Amino acid sequence: MKKLLLLSAIVVSTMTLSAQEANIGLSGALPIGDAGDITTFGLNLDANYLWEVSEQFDLGVAAGYHYYFGEDIDTPFGTFEAEDVGFLPIAAAARFNASEDFTIGADVGYALGINPDGNDGGFYYAPKIQYSVSEALDIVFAYKGVSLDGGSFDAISLGIEFGL
């Protein structure tokens, strides 16, 4: 217990000494591959909290909610509506400030399956490129994927991120 308390104190003091940045993003997503066969469009809400490691490199945590709308599927037996798909990604976040305007980053972690029933989630990865419009606003292009049993759920997204 003493070791846990000491570790917590070190982490908290490190976080308060370095520069910090919180961001919230909203994006539209187009499912690709197998995900594109059962869903049409997605909306992603993401948040991250980053600590400056150096002038060009930030590390932190990220979480969000990704919702994809089910598609009507035509079969010889009739039309079926695929269920909507939802994920709650929880990840580590890394950002490399390549220049004053461009940032390259990735979120890596686990996406909890929210819906439909039987969606167990899986390994989550989201490489991204960000263009800074202003000090508090970025345009973000990302590839978001979740490795599932027997396949993956992949999408490309474009959106905005606000610095808080």
N, C-alpha and C. Protein backbone atom coordinates (compact mmCIF):
# COMPACT_ATOMS: atom_id res chain seq x y z
N MET A 1 0.82 -1.19 0.00
CA MET A 1 0.00 0.00 0.00
C MET A 1 0.87 1.26 0.00
N LYS A 2 1.98 1.22 0.75
CA LYS A 2 2.87 2.38 0.80
C LYS A 2 3.50 2.64 -0.57
N LYS A 3 3.84 1.56 -1.27
CA LYS A 3 4.43 1.72 -2.61
C LYS A 3 3.44 2.34 -3.57
N LEU A 4 2.18 1.93 -3.50
CA LEU A 4 1.13 2.49 -4.35
C LEU A 4 0.92 3.96 -4.05
N LEU A 5 0.93 4.33 -2.78
CA LEU A 5 0.76 5.72 -2.38
C LEU A 5 1.93 6.57 -2.87
N LEU A 6 3.15 6.05 -2.75
CA LEU A 6 4.34 6.76 -3.22
C LEU A 6 4.30 6.93 -4.74
N LEU A 7 3.93 5.87 -5.46
CA LEU A 7 3.84 5.94 -6.91
C LEU A 7 2.79 6.97 -7.32
N SER A 8 1.66 6.99 -6.67
CA SER A 8 0.61 7.96 -6.97
C SER A 8 1.09 9.39 -6.75
N ALA A 9 1.82 9.63 -5.67
CA ALA A 9 2.34 10.97 -5.38
C ALA A 9 3.33 11.40 -6.46
N ILE A 10 4.17 10.49 -6.92
CA ILE A 10 5.14 10.81 -7.97
C ILE A 10 4.42 11.14 -9.27
N VAL A 11 3.43 10.34 -9.65
CA VAL A 11 2.69 10.59 -10.89
C VAL A 11 1.97 11.94 -10.83
N VAL A 12 1.31 12.23 -9.73
CA VAL A 12 0.58 13.49 -9.59
C VAL A 12 1.54 14.68 -9.62
N SER A 13 2.67 14.57 -8.95
CA SER A 13 3.62 15.69 -8.96
C SER A 13 4.23 15.88 -10.35
N THR A 14 4.47 14.81 -11.08
CA THR A 14 4.99 14.91 -12.43
C THR A 14 3.97 15.58 -13.34
N MET A 15 2.70 15.22 -13.19
CA MET A 15 1.66 15.80 -14.03
C MET A 15 1.49 17.28 -13.75
N THR A 16 1.66 17.72 -12.54
CA THR A 16 1.44 19.12 -12.22
C THR A 16 2.64 19.98 -12.60
N LEU A 17 3.81 19.37 -12.77
CA LEU A 17 4.99 20.14 -13.11
C LEU A 17 5.12 20.40 -14.61
N SER A 18 4.56 19.54 -15.43
CA SER A 18 4.72 19.70 -16.88
C SER A 18 3.50 20.38 -17.48
N ALA A 19 3.68 20.89 -18.71
CA ALA A 19 2.58 21.53 -19.40
C ALA A 19 1.52 20.49 -19.73
N GLN A 20 0.27 20.90 -19.66
CA GLN A 20 -0.84 19.98 -19.88
C GLN A 20 -1.79 20.58 -20.90
N GLU A 21 -2.50 19.69 -21.59
CA GLU A 21 -3.44 20.15 -22.60
C GLU A 21 -4.60 19.16 -22.69
N ALA A 22 -5.83 19.67 -22.65
CA ALA A 22 -7.02 18.86 -22.81
C ALA A 22 -7.69 19.24 -24.13
N ASN A 23 -8.21 18.24 -24.84
CA ASN A 23 -8.84 18.46 -26.13
C ASN A 23 -10.12 17.64 -26.24
N ILE A 24 -11.09 18.17 -26.98
CA ILE A 24 -12.31 17.44 -27.31
C ILE A 24 -12.50 17.53 -28.82
N GLY A 25 -12.80 16.39 -29.42
CA GLY A 25 -12.96 16.35 -30.87
C GLY A 25 -14.28 15.73 -31.29
N LEU A 26 -14.78 16.15 -32.44
CA LEU A 26 -15.99 15.61 -33.03
C LEU A 26 -15.69 15.35 -34.50
N SER A 27 -16.03 14.14 -34.97
CA SER A 27 -15.74 13.81 -36.35
C SER A 27 -16.81 12.93 -36.96
N GLY A 28 -16.87 12.98 -38.28
CA GLY A 28 -17.71 12.06 -39.05
C GLY A 28 -16.81 10.95 -39.55
N ALA A 29 -17.36 9.74 -39.67
CA ALA A 29 -16.54 8.60 -40.07
C ALA A 29 -17.22 7.79 -41.16
N LEU A 30 -16.43 7.30 -42.09
CA LEU A 30 -16.91 6.40 -43.13
C LEU A 30 -16.33 5.02 -42.87
N PRO A 31 -17.20 4.06 -42.53
CA PRO A 31 -16.72 2.69 -42.31
C PRO A 31 -16.17 2.11 -43.61
N ILE A 32 -15.09 1.35 -43.52
CA ILE A 32 -14.49 0.73 -44.70
C ILE A 32 -14.34 -0.77 -44.45
N GLY A 33 -14.11 -1.51 -45.51
CA GLY A 33 -13.94 -2.96 -45.39
C GLY A 33 -15.23 -3.61 -44.94
N ASP A 34 -15.12 -4.62 -44.09
CA ASP A 34 -16.29 -5.34 -43.58
C ASP A 34 -17.25 -4.42 -42.84
N ALA A 35 -16.73 -3.43 -42.15
CA ALA A 35 -17.58 -2.49 -41.41
C ALA A 35 -18.48 -1.70 -42.36
N GLY A 36 -17.98 -1.42 -43.57
CA GLY A 36 -18.76 -0.70 -44.57
C GLY A 36 -19.91 -1.52 -45.13
N ASP A 37 -19.86 -2.85 -44.95
CA ASP A 37 -20.94 -3.71 -45.44
C ASP A 37 -22.16 -3.68 -44.52
N ILE A 38 -21.96 -3.33 -43.25
CA ILE A 38 -23.07 -3.37 -42.29
C ILE A 38 -23.44 -2.01 -41.70
N THR A 39 -22.58 -1.01 -41.90
CA THR A 39 -22.87 0.33 -41.39
C THR A 39 -22.65 1.36 -42.49
N THR A 40 -23.31 2.51 -42.37
CA THR A 40 -23.23 3.52 -43.42
C THR A 40 -22.38 4.72 -43.06
N PHE A 41 -22.47 5.16 -41.83
CA PHE A 41 -21.83 6.40 -41.42
C PHE A 41 -21.63 6.35 -39.91
N GLY A 42 -20.64 7.09 -39.42
CA GLY A 42 -20.40 7.11 -37.99
C GLY A 42 -20.16 8.51 -37.47
N LEU A 43 -20.43 8.69 -36.21
CA LEU A 43 -20.09 9.92 -35.49
C LEU A 43 -19.18 9.55 -34.34
N ASN A 44 -18.09 10.29 -34.19
CA ASN A 44 -17.11 10.01 -33.15
C ASN A 44 -16.94 11.22 -32.26
N LEU A 45 -17.00 10.99 -30.96
CA LEU A 45 -16.69 12.02 -29.96
C LEU A 45 -15.47 11.53 -29.20
N ASP A 46 -14.41 12.31 -29.21
CA ASP A 46 -13.15 11.92 -28.57
C ASP A 46 -12.67 13.00 -27.63
N ALA A 47 -11.98 12.59 -26.58
CA ALA A 47 -11.35 13.52 -25.65
C ALA A 47 -9.97 12.98 -25.29
N ASN A 48 -9.02 13.88 -25.11
CA ASN A 48 -7.70 13.45 -24.66
C ASN A 48 -7.12 14.48 -23.70
N TYR A 49 -6.19 14.00 -22.91
CA TYR A 49 -5.47 14.85 -21.96
C TYR A 49 -4.00 14.53 -22.15
N LEU A 50 -3.22 15.53 -22.55
CA LEU A 50 -1.82 15.32 -22.92
C LEU A 50 -0.88 16.09 -22.00
N TRP A 51 0.28 15.49 -21.75
CA TRP A 51 1.34 16.13 -21.00
C TRP A 51 2.54 16.31 -21.93
N GLU A 52 3.14 17.48 -21.86
CA GLU A 52 4.30 17.78 -22.70
C GLU A 52 5.53 17.05 -22.16
N VAL A 53 6.09 16.17 -23.00
CA VAL A 53 7.32 15.46 -22.65
C VAL A 53 8.52 16.27 -23.11
N SER A 54 8.40 16.85 -24.30
CA SER A 54 9.40 17.77 -24.83
C SER A 54 8.66 18.79 -25.69
N GLU A 55 9.38 19.71 -26.31
CA GLU A 55 8.73 20.72 -27.14
C GLU A 55 7.97 20.09 -28.30
N GLN A 56 8.43 18.94 -28.77
CA GLN A 56 7.80 18.32 -29.93
C GLN A 56 6.99 17.08 -29.62
N PHE A 57 6.99 16.60 -28.40
CA PHE A 57 6.36 15.32 -28.11
C PHE A 57 5.46 15.40 -26.88
N ASP A 58 4.22 14.92 -27.03
CA ASP A 58 3.25 14.89 -25.93
C ASP A 58 2.75 13.45 -25.75
N LEU A 59 2.51 13.08 -24.50
CA LEU A 59 1.93 11.78 -24.16
C LEU A 59 0.72 12.00 -23.27
N GLY A 60 -0.23 11.07 -23.32
CA GLY A 60 -1.39 11.22 -22.46
C GLY A 60 -2.36 10.07 -22.57
N VAL A 61 -3.61 10.37 -22.26
CA VAL A 61 -4.69 9.39 -22.29
C VAL A 61 -5.81 9.91 -23.19
N ALA A 62 -6.57 8.97 -23.75
CA ALA A 62 -7.68 9.34 -24.62
C ALA A 62 -8.85 8.40 -24.37
N ALA A 63 -10.04 8.93 -24.58
CA ALA A 63 -11.27 8.13 -24.48
C ALA A 63 -12.29 8.75 -25.42
N GLY A 64 -13.34 8.01 -25.70
CA GLY A 64 -14.35 8.55 -26.60
C GLY A 64 -15.55 7.66 -26.71
N TYR A 65 -16.44 8.04 -27.62
CA TYR A 65 -17.59 7.21 -27.96
C TYR A 65 -17.75 7.27 -29.46
N HIS A 66 -17.74 6.11 -30.10
CA HIS A 66 -17.86 6.01 -31.56
C HIS A 66 -19.14 5.26 -31.88
N TYR A 67 -20.01 5.88 -32.66
CA TYR A 67 -21.32 5.32 -32.99
C TYR A 67 -21.47 5.23 -34.50
N TYR A 68 -21.85 4.04 -35.00
CA TYR A 68 -22.00 3.80 -36.43
C TYR A 68 -23.42 3.33 -36.70
N PHE A 69 -24.05 3.92 -37.71
CA PHE A 69 -25.44 3.63 -38.04
C PHE A 69 -25.53 2.40 -38.94
N GLY A 70 -26.41 1.45 -38.56
CA GLY A 70 -26.60 0.22 -39.32
C GLY A 70 -27.18 0.48 -40.70
N GLU A 71 -26.88 -0.42 -41.64
CA GLU A 71 -27.31 -0.28 -43.03
C GLU A 71 -28.39 -1.32 -43.35
N ASP A 72 -29.28 -0.97 -44.26
CA ASP A 72 -30.25 -1.93 -44.77
C ASP A 72 -29.52 -2.87 -45.72
N ILE A 73 -29.67 -4.18 -45.51
CA ILE A 73 -28.97 -5.18 -46.32
C ILE A 73 -30.01 -5.96 -47.11
N ASP A 74 -29.89 -5.91 -48.45
CA ASP A 74 -30.80 -6.66 -49.32
C ASP A 74 -30.28 -8.08 -49.50
N THR A 75 -31.16 -9.04 -49.30
CA THR A 75 -30.83 -10.46 -49.51
C THR A 75 -31.95 -11.09 -50.34
N PRO A 76 -31.74 -12.29 -50.84
CA PRO A 76 -32.83 -12.97 -51.57
C PRO A 76 -34.05 -13.24 -50.69
N PHE A 77 -33.88 -13.18 -49.38
CA PHE A 77 -34.97 -13.46 -48.45
C PHE A 77 -35.64 -12.18 -47.94
N GLY A 78 -35.22 -11.04 -48.43
CA GLY A 78 -35.81 -9.78 -48.00
C GLY A 78 -34.74 -8.79 -47.55
N THR A 79 -35.19 -7.66 -47.07
CA THR A 79 -34.29 -6.62 -46.60
C THR A 79 -34.20 -6.69 -45.08
N PHE A 80 -32.95 -6.67 -44.60
CA PHE A 80 -32.71 -6.69 -43.16
C PHE A 80 -31.94 -5.45 -42.76
N GLU A 81 -32.28 -4.93 -41.60
CA GLU A 81 -31.56 -3.76 -41.11
C GLU A 81 -30.49 -4.22 -40.13
N ALA A 82 -29.23 -3.92 -40.43
CA ALA A 82 -28.14 -4.25 -39.52
C ALA A 82 -28.23 -3.33 -38.30
N GLU A 83 -27.86 -3.85 -37.16
CA GLU A 83 -27.92 -3.05 -35.93
C GLU A 83 -26.82 -1.99 -35.93
N ASP A 84 -27.08 -0.90 -35.21
CA ASP A 84 -26.06 0.13 -35.02
C ASP A 84 -24.94 -0.45 -34.17
N VAL A 85 -23.72 0.09 -34.37
CA VAL A 85 -22.54 -0.40 -33.67
C VAL A 85 -21.94 0.74 -32.86
N GLY A 86 -21.58 0.45 -31.61
CA GLY A 86 -20.99 1.47 -30.75
C GLY A 86 -19.77 0.94 -30.02
N PHE A 87 -18.78 1.79 -29.87
CA PHE A 87 -17.55 1.46 -29.15
C PHE A 87 -17.20 2.58 -28.17
N LEU A 88 -16.56 2.21 -27.09
CA LEU A 88 -16.03 3.16 -26.11
C LEU A 88 -14.52 2.90 -26.02
N PRO A 89 -13.72 3.62 -26.84
CA PRO A 89 -12.26 3.41 -26.79
C PRO A 89 -11.62 4.09 -25.58
N ILE A 90 -10.68 3.38 -24.97
CA ILE A 90 -9.87 3.90 -23.87
C ILE A 90 -8.42 3.62 -24.27
N ALA A 91 -7.59 4.67 -24.36
CA ALA A 91 -6.28 4.48 -24.97
C ALA A 91 -5.20 5.39 -24.40
N ALA A 92 -3.97 5.02 -24.70
CA ALA A 92 -2.83 5.90 -24.50
C ALA A 92 -2.71 6.76 -25.76
N ALA A 93 -2.29 7.99 -25.60
CA ALA A 93 -2.20 8.91 -26.73
C ALA A 93 -0.78 9.46 -26.84
N ALA A 94 -0.30 9.56 -28.08
CA ALA A 94 1.02 10.14 -28.34
C ALA A 94 0.88 11.12 -29.50
N ARG A 95 1.53 12.27 -29.39
CA ARG A 95 1.51 13.28 -30.45
C ARG A 95 2.92 13.80 -30.68
N PHE A 96 3.30 13.88 -31.96
CA PHE A 96 4.58 14.44 -32.36
C PHE A 96 4.30 15.69 -33.19
N ASN A 97 4.74 16.83 -32.69
CA ASN A 97 4.54 18.10 -33.39
C ASN A 97 5.58 18.24 -34.48
N ALA A 98 5.22 17.84 -35.71
CA ALA A 98 6.15 17.81 -36.83
C ALA A 98 6.55 19.22 -37.27
N SER A 99 5.64 20.16 -37.14
CA SER A 99 5.92 21.56 -37.47
C SER A 99 4.95 22.41 -36.66
N GLU A 100 4.97 23.69 -36.93
CA GLU A 100 4.07 24.59 -36.21
C GLU A 100 2.61 24.29 -36.53
N ASP A 101 2.35 23.78 -37.75
CA ASP A 101 0.98 23.54 -38.20
C ASP A 101 0.55 22.08 -38.19
N PHE A 102 1.49 21.14 -38.28
CA PHE A 102 1.14 19.72 -38.41
C PHE A 102 1.57 18.90 -37.21
N THR A 103 0.68 18.00 -36.81
CA THR A 103 0.95 17.06 -35.73
C THR A 103 0.62 15.66 -36.22
N ILE A 104 1.48 14.71 -35.91
CA ILE A 104 1.27 13.30 -36.24
C ILE A 104 1.09 12.57 -34.91
N GLY A 105 0.09 11.72 -34.83
CA GLY A 105 -0.15 11.05 -33.57
C GLY A 105 -0.81 9.70 -33.71
N ALA A 106 -1.04 9.07 -32.57
CA ALA A 106 -1.73 7.79 -32.52
C ALA A 106 -2.32 7.58 -31.14
N ASP A 107 -3.47 6.92 -31.12
CA ASP A 107 -4.09 6.45 -29.89
C ASP A 107 -4.08 4.92 -29.97
N VAL A 108 -3.67 4.27 -28.90
CA VAL A 108 -3.60 2.81 -28.88
C VAL A 108 -4.15 2.33 -27.54
N GLY A 109 -5.08 1.38 -27.60
CA GLY A 109 -5.67 0.87 -26.36
C GLY A 109 -6.69 -0.21 -26.62
N TYR A 110 -7.81 -0.12 -25.91
CA TYR A 110 -8.88 -1.11 -26.02
C TYR A 110 -10.21 -0.39 -26.22
N ALA A 111 -11.03 -0.90 -27.15
CA ALA A 111 -12.36 -0.34 -27.38
C ALA A 111 -13.39 -1.31 -26.82
N LEU A 112 -14.13 -0.86 -25.83
CA LEU A 112 -15.20 -1.67 -25.26
C LEU A 112 -16.38 -1.68 -26.23
N GLY A 113 -16.93 -2.85 -26.50
CA GLY A 113 -18.10 -2.95 -27.36
C GLY A 113 -19.35 -2.57 -26.60
N ILE A 114 -20.07 -1.56 -27.06
CA ILE A 114 -21.27 -1.08 -26.38
C ILE A 114 -22.51 -1.74 -26.98
N ASN A 115 -22.65 -1.70 -28.29
CA ASN A 115 -23.76 -2.36 -28.95
C ASN A 115 -23.32 -2.82 -30.33
N PRO A 116 -23.95 -3.79 -30.93
CA PRO A 116 -25.08 -4.60 -30.47
C PRO A 116 -24.63 -5.65 -29.46
N ASP A 117 -25.57 -6.42 -28.94
CA ASP A 117 -25.23 -7.52 -28.05
C ASP A 117 -24.24 -8.44 -28.75
N GLY A 118 -23.27 -8.91 -28.02
CA GLY A 118 -22.25 -9.78 -28.60
C GLY A 118 -21.03 -9.02 -29.09
N ASN A 119 -21.07 -7.69 -29.09
CA ASN A 119 -19.91 -6.89 -29.47
C ASN A 119 -18.99 -6.80 -28.25
N ASP A 120 -17.94 -7.61 -28.26
CA ASP A 120 -17.03 -7.67 -27.11
C ASP A 120 -15.93 -6.63 -27.17
N GLY A 121 -15.83 -5.89 -28.29
CA GLY A 121 -14.77 -4.91 -28.44
C GLY A 121 -13.47 -5.58 -28.81
N GLY A 122 -12.37 -4.83 -28.72
CA GLY A 122 -11.07 -5.38 -29.08
C GLY A 122 -9.98 -4.32 -29.04
N PHE A 123 -8.81 -4.71 -29.51
CA PHE A 123 -7.66 -3.82 -29.57
C PHE A 123 -7.99 -2.62 -30.45
N TYR A 124 -7.71 -1.41 -29.96
CA TYR A 124 -8.06 -0.16 -30.65
C TYR A 124 -6.80 0.56 -31.09
N TYR A 125 -6.81 1.06 -32.32
CA TYR A 125 -5.67 1.84 -32.84
C TYR A 125 -6.22 2.96 -33.72
N ALA A 126 -5.60 4.13 -33.62
CA ALA A 126 -6.07 5.28 -34.38
C ALA A 126 -4.90 6.21 -34.73
N PRO A 127 -4.18 5.91 -35.83
CA PRO A 127 -3.17 6.87 -36.30
C PRO A 127 -3.87 8.10 -36.87
N LYS A 128 -3.26 9.27 -36.71
CA LYS A 128 -3.92 10.49 -37.15
C LYS A 128 -2.92 11.57 -37.55
N ILE A 129 -3.42 12.49 -38.37
CA ILE A 129 -2.68 13.69 -38.78
C ILE A 129 -3.56 14.88 -38.46
N GLN A 130 -2.98 15.90 -37.84
CA GLN A 130 -3.72 17.08 -37.44
C GLN A 130 -3.11 18.33 -38.07
N TYR A 131 -3.98 19.22 -38.54
CA TYR A 131 -3.56 20.52 -39.06
C TYR A 131 -4.12 21.59 -38.15
N SER A 132 -3.25 22.45 -37.65
CA SER A 132 -3.64 23.50 -36.72
C SER A 132 -4.19 24.71 -37.48
N VAL A 133 -5.48 25.00 -37.26
CA VAL A 133 -6.12 26.16 -37.86
C VAL A 133 -5.84 27.39 -37.00
N SER A 134 -5.90 27.20 -35.69
CA SER A 134 -5.59 28.25 -34.74
C SER A 134 -5.03 27.58 -33.49
N GLU A 135 -4.72 28.36 -32.48
CA GLU A 135 -4.14 27.78 -31.26
C GLU A 135 -5.09 26.80 -30.58
N ALA A 136 -6.39 26.99 -30.75
CA ALA A 136 -7.37 26.15 -30.05
C ALA A 136 -8.19 25.26 -30.98
N LEU A 137 -7.86 25.20 -32.29
CA LEU A 137 -8.67 24.43 -33.23
C LEU A 137 -7.79 23.69 -34.24
N ASP A 138 -8.00 22.39 -34.35
CA ASP A 138 -7.28 21.55 -35.32
C ASP A 138 -8.28 20.81 -36.19
N ILE A 139 -7.88 20.54 -37.44
CA ILE A 139 -8.60 19.64 -38.31
C ILE A 139 -7.87 18.31 -38.22
N VAL A 140 -8.62 17.22 -37.99
CA VAL A 140 -8.01 15.91 -37.73
C VAL A 140 -8.50 14.88 -38.74
N PHE A 141 -7.56 14.20 -39.41
CA PHE A 141 -7.85 13.08 -40.29
C PHE A 141 -7.29 11.84 -39.61
N ALA A 142 -8.12 10.80 -39.46
CA ALA A 142 -7.68 9.60 -38.73
C ALA A 142 -8.20 8.33 -39.38
N TYR A 143 -7.46 7.27 -39.16
CA TYR A 143 -7.88 5.92 -39.49
C TYR A 143 -8.13 5.24 -38.16
N LYS A 144 -9.35 4.78 -37.91
CA LYS A 144 -9.67 4.18 -36.62
C LYS A 144 -10.05 2.72 -36.83
N GLY A 145 -9.41 1.85 -36.06
CA GLY A 145 -9.69 0.44 -36.21
C GLY A 145 -9.84 -0.26 -34.87
N VAL A 146 -10.67 -1.29 -34.87
CA VAL A 146 -10.85 -2.15 -33.71
C VAL A 146 -10.68 -3.58 -34.19
N SER A 147 -9.68 -4.29 -33.65
CA SER A 147 -9.47 -5.70 -33.99
C SER A 147 -10.46 -6.54 -33.20
N LEU A 148 -11.31 -7.25 -33.91
CA LEU A 148 -12.34 -8.07 -33.29
C LEU A 148 -12.03 -9.54 -33.55
N ASP A 149 -12.70 -10.43 -32.83
CA ASP A 149 -12.57 -11.86 -33.10
C ASP A 149 -13.04 -12.13 -34.53
N GLY A 150 -12.16 -12.62 -35.37
CA GLY A 150 -12.53 -12.97 -36.73
C GLY A 150 -12.57 -11.81 -37.70
N GLY A 151 -12.03 -10.66 -37.36
CA GLY A 151 -12.04 -9.54 -38.29
C GLY A 151 -11.68 -8.24 -37.62
N SER A 152 -12.09 -7.16 -38.27
CA SER A 152 -11.83 -5.84 -37.71
C SER A 152 -12.94 -4.89 -38.12
N PHE A 153 -13.08 -3.81 -37.37
CA PHE A 153 -14.04 -2.76 -37.67
C PHE A 153 -13.22 -1.51 -37.92
N ASP A 154 -13.17 -1.06 -39.17
CA ASP A 154 -12.30 0.04 -39.57
C ASP A 154 -13.09 1.19 -40.16
N ALA A 155 -12.58 2.41 -39.96
CA ALA A 155 -13.23 3.59 -40.51
C ALA A 155 -12.18 4.69 -40.70
N ILE A 156 -12.45 5.57 -41.65
CA ILE A 156 -11.64 6.78 -41.78
C ILE A 156 -12.52 7.94 -41.31
N SER A 157 -11.90 8.89 -40.64
CA SER A 157 -12.69 9.99 -40.08
C SER A 157 -12.03 11.33 -40.37
N LEU A 158 -12.86 12.34 -40.42
CA LEU A 158 -12.43 13.72 -40.60
C LEU A 158 -13.25 14.57 -39.64
N GLY A 159 -12.56 15.39 -38.87
CA GLY A 159 -13.29 16.21 -37.91
C GLY A 159 -12.46 17.35 -37.37
N ILE A 160 -12.95 17.93 -36.28
CA ILE A 160 -12.27 19.04 -35.65
C ILE A 160 -11.98 18.69 -34.19
N GLU A 161 -10.94 19.30 -33.67
CA GLU A 161 -10.56 19.12 -32.27
C GLU A 161 -10.37 20.48 -31.64
N PHE A 162 -11.01 20.68 -30.49
CA PHE A 162 -10.92 21.94 -29.77
C PHE A 162 -10.01 21.79 -28.57
N GLY A 163 -9.09 22.72 -28.40
CA GLY A 163 -8.25 22.75 -27.20
C GLY A 163 -9.00 23.46 -26.09
N LEU A 164 -8.92 22.91 -24.90
CA LEU A 164 -9.60 23.51 -23.75
C LEU A 164 -8.65 24.28 -22.87
